[in-house]
Amino acid sequence: MPFPSDLPVVDHHCHLSPTGEGVAAARRFRSAGGTHLFLATQNYTGRPPSSIADYAEQFEVTERLGRQIQDEVGVGVYSVVAPYPIDLVHVSSSIGLPAALDLQRSALDLAGRWVREHRAVAIGEVGRPHFEVDAATRAACDAVFRHALAVARDADCPAVVHCEDLDAGGYRAIAELGRAAGLPAHRLIKHYARHYVAESDRAGIAPSFLARRELVDRALADPGPWFLETDFLDDPARPGAVLDLATVPRRARAIAERSSGAAEQLRVPFVDAIRQVYGWAPEIGKGARP
């Protein structure tokens, strides 16, 4: 079956680095049939940011890399920026927990400003550690998460949530945190969703499913919203982790070969879900600015 010519192929969450494959990975993505990437910022220096200037530079590296990919590869890139949730845990040992908390809030405010200036499309990754920390650190992380949801509310954008695996109760709990902050559930995205949870049990939150074959096959019949992602890390020490950047387009092409109906179902993650959650949709031949 021919792949629909008007259907974008979108990896909803990946990381790229100037010191990793970077543009070369984006070329591989395009060669496999990919058209658009949501590029999540990351720590590029090997140490957690300890100042707002560090975060500003980090976000700018993400933006520059995205622009380079668009110009040289022709893949549309949407930047997603925020301080990583566990930065607070790591930096608090050197600057103290109160200063680390203030820094996270300031970096989130900066991320919100980037969204309002159309330099990014979402706040992310935000959330909480999915491992044990002491009570004071846990309280600080929870406070940062609440602030992140408020920033997304004020910037009128989605919040991409990094947290533990969620069941129906977990989805309800995250949705309630959003409601408490004034952020509706349809603006919440569960990044790195490794397990299928039915639409009726997701409390209005959109999962971004890892593009593993069995999970994609199960999601295809889901009405959405849901996304597909690789969470590609672009780490030379972990080549191909979490999934290779070419995975989403390869899955899409394999699905399209089954039938025209299967190909059309891919409009859910690649077009419909983005329109429902972000308020716009990617188009073939158009870049990052929605």
Protein backbone atom coordinates (compact mmCIF):
# COMPACT_ATOMS: atom_id res chain seq x y z
CA MET A 1 0.00 0.00 0.00
CA PRO A 2 1.36 3.49 -0.81
CA PHE A 3 1.94 5.69 2.19
CA PRO A 4 -0.51 8.64 2.26
CA SER A 5 1.34 11.57 0.73
CA ASP A 6 -0.27 14.11 3.05
CA LEU A 7 0.42 12.21 6.28
CA PRO A 8 3.28 13.53 8.44
CA VAL A 9 5.36 11.02 10.39
CA VAL A 10 6.12 12.42 13.82
CA ASP A 11 8.38 11.31 16.67
CA HIS A 12 6.76 13.03 19.62
CA HIS A 13 9.74 12.89 21.99
CA CYS A 14 13.46 12.58 21.33
CA HIS A 15 16.74 14.08 22.44
CA LEU A 16 19.59 15.08 20.14
CA SER A 17 22.99 16.45 21.05
CA PRO A 18 25.70 18.40 19.24
CA THR A 19 28.21 15.94 20.75
CA GLY A 20 26.21 12.87 19.70
CA GLU A 21 24.83 11.97 16.30
CA GLY A 22 22.78 15.15 16.17
CA VAL A 23 22.05 16.10 12.58
CA ALA A 24 23.19 12.68 11.33
CA ALA A 25 20.46 11.01 13.39
CA ALA A 26 17.90 13.40 11.93
CA ARG A 27 19.08 12.45 8.44
CA ARG A 28 18.51 8.79 9.30
CA PHE A 29 15.03 9.68 10.57
CA ARG A 30 14.18 11.44 7.32
CA SER A 31 15.62 8.67 5.16
CA ALA A 32 13.26 6.24 6.92
CA GLY A 33 10.28 8.50 6.13
CA GLY A 34 10.12 10.80 9.15
CA THR A 35 8.96 14.38 8.69
CA HIS A 36 8.72 16.07 12.13
CA LEU A 37 10.40 15.76 15.54
CA PHE A 38 9.51 17.06 18.98
CA LEU A 39 12.97 17.82 20.36
CA ALA A 40 13.18 17.80 24.15
CA THR A 41 16.00 19.75 25.72
CA GLN A 42 18.60 18.00 27.82
CA ASN A 43 21.76 18.62 29.81
CA TYR A 44 24.53 18.95 27.23
CA THR A 45 27.44 19.58 29.58
CA GLY A 46 27.59 16.46 31.73
CA ARG A 47 26.70 18.36 34.90
CA PRO A 48 23.35 19.68 36.14
CA PRO A 49 22.75 23.39 35.49
CA SER A 50 23.46 25.47 38.57
CA SER A 51 22.34 28.91 37.35
CA ILE A 52 19.63 30.41 35.20
CA ALA A 53 22.34 31.29 32.68
CA ASP A 54 23.13 27.58 32.41
CA TYR A 55 19.49 26.85 31.58
CA ALA A 56 19.31 29.67 29.06
CA GLU A 57 22.36 28.26 27.27
CA GLN A 58 20.89 24.75 27.38
CA PHE A 59 17.62 25.90 25.79
CA GLU A 60 19.55 27.86 23.16
CA VAL A 61 21.58 24.78 22.22
CA THR A 62 18.31 22.90 21.69
CA GLU A 63 16.96 25.73 19.55
CA ARG A 64 20.13 26.00 17.46
CA LEU A 65 20.21 22.27 16.85
CA GLY A 66 16.56 22.27 15.83
CA ARG A 67 17.14 25.13 13.40
CA GLN A 68 20.16 23.34 11.93
CA ILE A 69 18.12 20.17 11.40
CA GLN A 70 15.35 22.11 9.70
CA ASP A 71 17.79 23.98 7.43
CA GLU A 72 20.08 21.07 6.54
CA VAL A 73 17.77 18.04 6.68
CA GLY A 74 14.32 19.45 6.01
CA VAL A 75 12.72 17.85 9.07
CA GLY A 76 10.36 20.07 11.05
CA VAL A 77 11.47 20.46 14.66
CA TYR A 78 9.37 21.55 17.64
CA SER A 79 11.35 22.46 20.77
CA VAL A 80 10.17 21.37 24.21
CA VAL A 81 12.02 23.02 27.10
CA ALA A 82 12.10 22.90 30.90
CA PRO A 83 14.52 22.03 33.68
CA TYR A 84 14.75 18.24 33.95
CA PRO A 85 12.86 17.00 37.04
CA ILE A 86 15.83 15.36 38.72
CA ASP A 87 18.14 18.37 38.24
CA LEU A 88 16.93 19.57 41.62
CA VAL A 89 18.03 16.31 43.24
CA HIS A 90 21.53 16.51 41.79
CA VAL A 91 22.25 20.22 42.23
CA SER A 92 20.83 20.56 45.74
CA SER A 93 23.91 18.84 47.16
CA SER A 94 26.09 21.71 45.97
CA ILE A 95 23.86 24.80 46.26
CA GLY A 96 21.39 23.64 48.91
CA LEU A 97 17.76 22.62 48.58
CA PRO A 98 16.16 26.12 48.91
CA ALA A 99 18.43 27.56 46.20
CA ALA A 100 17.85 24.52 43.99
CA LEU A 101 14.08 24.97 44.38
CA ASP A 102 14.32 28.67 43.45
CA LEU A 103 16.47 27.81 40.43
CA GLN A 104 13.96 25.25 39.17
CA ARG A 105 11.12 27.74 39.47
CA SER A 106 13.12 30.41 37.64
CA ALA A 107 14.05 27.95 34.88
CA LEU A 108 10.41 26.97 34.49
CA ASP A 109 9.46 30.63 34.22
CA LEU A 110 12.09 30.96 31.49
CA ALA A 111 10.61 27.95 29.69
CA GLY A 112 7.18 29.54 29.85
CA ARG A 113 8.59 32.71 28.32
CA TRP A 114 10.06 30.65 25.48
CA VAL A 115 6.62 29.18 24.75
CA ARG A 116 4.99 32.61 24.77
CA GLU A 117 7.69 33.84 22.37
CA HIS A 118 7.02 30.84 20.07
CA ARG A 119 10.50 29.46 20.62
CA ALA A 120 9.06 26.26 22.13
CA VAL A 121 5.73 24.46 21.96
CA ALA A 122 5.49 22.81 25.40
CA ILE A 123 6.92 22.68 28.90
CA GLY A 124 8.84 19.47 29.38
CA GLU A 125 10.03 17.22 30.68
CA VAL A 126 8.51 18.08 34.05
CA GLY A 127 7.39 15.84 36.86
CA ARG A 128 9.01 14.06 39.73
CA PRO A 129 11.72 11.47 40.39
CA HIS A 130 10.65 7.87 39.84
CA PHE A 131 13.04 6.68 42.53
CA GLU A 132 13.28 7.12 46.29
CA VAL A 133 14.44 10.47 47.68
CA ASP A 134 14.25 11.91 51.17
CA ALA A 135 11.06 13.60 52.35
CA ALA A 136 12.36 17.17 52.03
CA THR A 137 13.58 16.58 48.49
CA ARG A 138 10.31 14.87 47.56
CA ALA A 139 8.36 17.87 48.86
CA ALA A 140 10.55 20.25 46.86
CA CYS A 141 10.13 18.18 43.70
CA ASP A 142 6.36 18.15 44.18
CA ALA A 143 6.39 21.94 44.60
CA VAL A 144 8.39 22.30 41.38
CA PHE A 145 5.93 20.04 39.54
CA ARG A 146 2.99 22.15 40.70
CA HIS A 147 4.80 25.27 39.55
CA ALA A 148 5.47 23.65 36.17
CA LEU A 149 1.77 22.95 35.70
CA ALA A 150 0.96 26.56 36.57
CA VAL A 151 3.55 27.77 34.05
CA ALA A 152 1.97 25.59 31.35
CA ARG A 153 -1.43 27.00 32.28
CA ASP A 154 -0.19 30.58 31.96
CA ALA A 155 1.65 29.83 28.71
CA ASP A 156 -1.43 28.01 27.35
CA CYS A 157 0.59 24.97 26.34
CA PRO A 158 0.93 21.27 27.15
CA ALA A 159 3.07 19.93 29.98
CA VAL A 160 5.09 16.84 29.08
CA VAL A 161 5.22 14.77 32.25
CA HIS A 162 8.12 12.55 33.28
CA CYS A 163 7.15 10.29 36.17
CA GLU A 164 6.69 6.68 37.21
CA ASP A 165 4.60 4.30 35.10
CA LEU A 166 0.90 5.10 35.49
CA ASP A 167 -2.13 2.88 35.85
CA ALA A 168 -5.70 4.23 35.84
CA GLY A 169 -5.29 5.58 39.37
CA GLY A 170 -2.00 7.23 38.46
CA TYR A 171 -3.54 8.96 35.47
CA ARG A 172 -6.37 10.24 37.69
CA ALA A 173 -3.88 11.56 40.24
CA ILE A 174 -1.87 13.48 37.62
CA ALA A 175 -5.07 14.86 36.11
CA GLU A 176 -6.12 16.07 39.56
CA LEU A 177 -2.78 17.86 40.00
CA GLY A 178 -3.42 19.56 36.69
CA ARG A 179 -6.93 20.59 37.68
CA ALA A 180 -5.62 22.01 40.95
CA ALA A 181 -3.19 24.15 38.93
CA GLY A 182 -5.86 25.18 36.43
CA LEU A 183 -4.36 23.08 33.63
CA PRO A 184 -6.95 20.87 31.90
CA ALA A 185 -6.22 17.18 31.48
CA HIS A 186 -6.08 17.41 27.69
CA ARG A 187 -2.98 19.61 28.09
CA LEU A 188 -1.14 16.86 30.00
CA ILE A 189 1.06 14.31 28.21
CA LYS A 190 2.45 11.17 29.85
CA HIS A 191 5.88 10.89 28.26
CA TYR A 192 7.56 7.46 28.07
CA ALA A 193 4.33 5.48 28.34
CA ARG A 194 5.61 1.89 28.27
CA HIS A 195 2.31 0.12 28.93
CA TYR A 196 -1.07 0.38 27.26
CA VAL A 197 -3.84 1.91 29.36
CA ALA A 198 -7.24 2.25 27.71
CA GLU A 199 -8.53 5.69 26.77
CA SER A 200 -11.37 5.34 29.29
CA ASP A 201 -8.81 4.94 32.11
CA ARG A 202 -6.51 7.84 31.22
CA ALA A 203 -8.56 10.68 32.78
CA GLY A 204 -8.19 12.76 29.62
CA ILE A 205 -4.37 12.64 29.59
CA ALA A 206 -2.62 11.77 26.32
CA PRO A 207 0.05 9.07 26.57
CA SER A 208 3.14 9.25 24.39
CA PHE A 209 3.69 5.55 23.77
CA LEU A 210 7.15 4.12 23.20
CA ALA A 211 7.12 2.91 19.59
CA ARG A 212 7.68 -0.74 20.41
CA ARG A 213 5.97 -3.02 17.93
CA GLU A 214 3.57 -4.74 20.32
CA LEU A 215 2.58 -1.47 21.99
CA VAL A 216 1.99 0.27 18.68
CA ASP A 217 -0.14 -2.62 17.46
CA ARG A 218 -2.29 -2.41 20.57
CA ALA A 219 -2.65 1.37 20.38
CA LEU A 220 -3.76 1.41 16.75
CA ALA A 221 -7.39 0.76 17.63
CA ASP A 222 -7.38 3.43 20.36
CA PRO A 223 -9.42 6.57 19.53
CA GLY A 224 -6.79 8.82 21.08
CA PRO A 225 -5.35 11.19 21.77
CA TRP A 226 -2.02 9.36 21.91
CA PHE A 227 1.42 9.84 20.41
CA LEU A 228 4.42 7.74 19.37
CA GLU A 229 7.94 8.42 20.57
CA THR A 230 11.38 6.88 20.68
CA ASP A 231 12.85 8.87 23.58
CA PHE A 232 16.07 8.57 21.58
CA LEU A 233 18.86 9.74 23.89
CA ASP A 234 21.68 10.39 21.39
CA ASP A 235 24.21 9.18 23.93
CA PRO A 236 27.38 7.71 22.38
CA ALA A 237 27.75 5.50 25.46
CA ARG A 238 24.25 4.04 24.83
CA PRO A 239 23.83 3.82 21.05
CA GLY A 240 20.21 3.39 20.00
CA ALA A 241 18.76 4.01 23.46
CA VAL A 242 15.90 4.16 24.24
CA LEU A 243 14.79 3.38 20.67
CA ASP A 244 16.63 4.36 17.51
CA LEU A 245 15.42 7.59 15.93
CA ALA A 246 14.35 5.78 12.74
CA THR A 247 11.92 3.57 14.68
CA VAL A 248 8.71 5.63 14.31
CA PRO A 249 8.89 6.02 10.52
CA ARG A 250 9.81 2.35 10.13
CA ARG A 251 6.80 1.33 12.24
CA ALA A 252 4.59 3.70 10.25
CA ARG A 253 5.70 2.25 6.91
CA ALA A 254 5.19 -1.32 8.12
CA ILE A 255 1.68 -0.46 9.33
CA ALA A 256 0.78 1.27 6.07
CA GLU A 257 1.74 -1.87 4.15
CA ARG A 258 -1.03 -3.81 5.90
CA SER A 259 -3.95 -1.81 4.51
CA SER A 260 -5.14 1.69 3.70
CA GLY A 261 -7.28 1.57 6.84
CA ALA A 262 -4.26 0.86 9.02
CA ALA A 263 -2.39 3.77 7.45
CA GLU A 264 -5.30 6.09 8.11
CA GLN A 265 -5.29 5.12 11.80
CA LEU A 266 -1.84 6.72 12.01
CA ARG A 267 -3.56 10.09 11.65
CA VAL A 268 -4.46 9.71 15.33
CA PRO A 269 -0.88 10.08 16.69
CA PHE A 270 0.56 12.13 13.83
CA VAL A 271 -2.19 14.68 13.25
CA ASP A 272 -5.35 14.41 15.36
CA ALA A 273 -3.69 14.07 18.77
CA ILE A 274 -1.35 16.98 18.09
CA ARG A 275 -4.29 19.14 17.06
CA GLN A 276 -6.27 18.11 20.17
CA VAL A 277 -3.44 18.64 22.65
CA TYR A 278 -1.39 21.45 21.07
CA GLY A 279 -4.06 23.25 19.07
CA TRP A 280 -2.38 22.90 15.66
CA ALA A 281 -1.09 20.06 13.51
CA PRO A 282 2.10 19.49 11.50
CA GLU A 283 1.91 19.61 7.73
CA ILE A 284 4.14 18.08 5.10
CA GLY A 285 6.64 20.61 3.83
CA LYS A 286 6.17 23.00 6.75
CA GLY A 287 8.62 23.51 9.58
CA ALA A 288 8.43 24.16 13.27
CA ARG A 289 6.33 27.27 13.60
CA PRO A 290 2.69 26.23 14.20
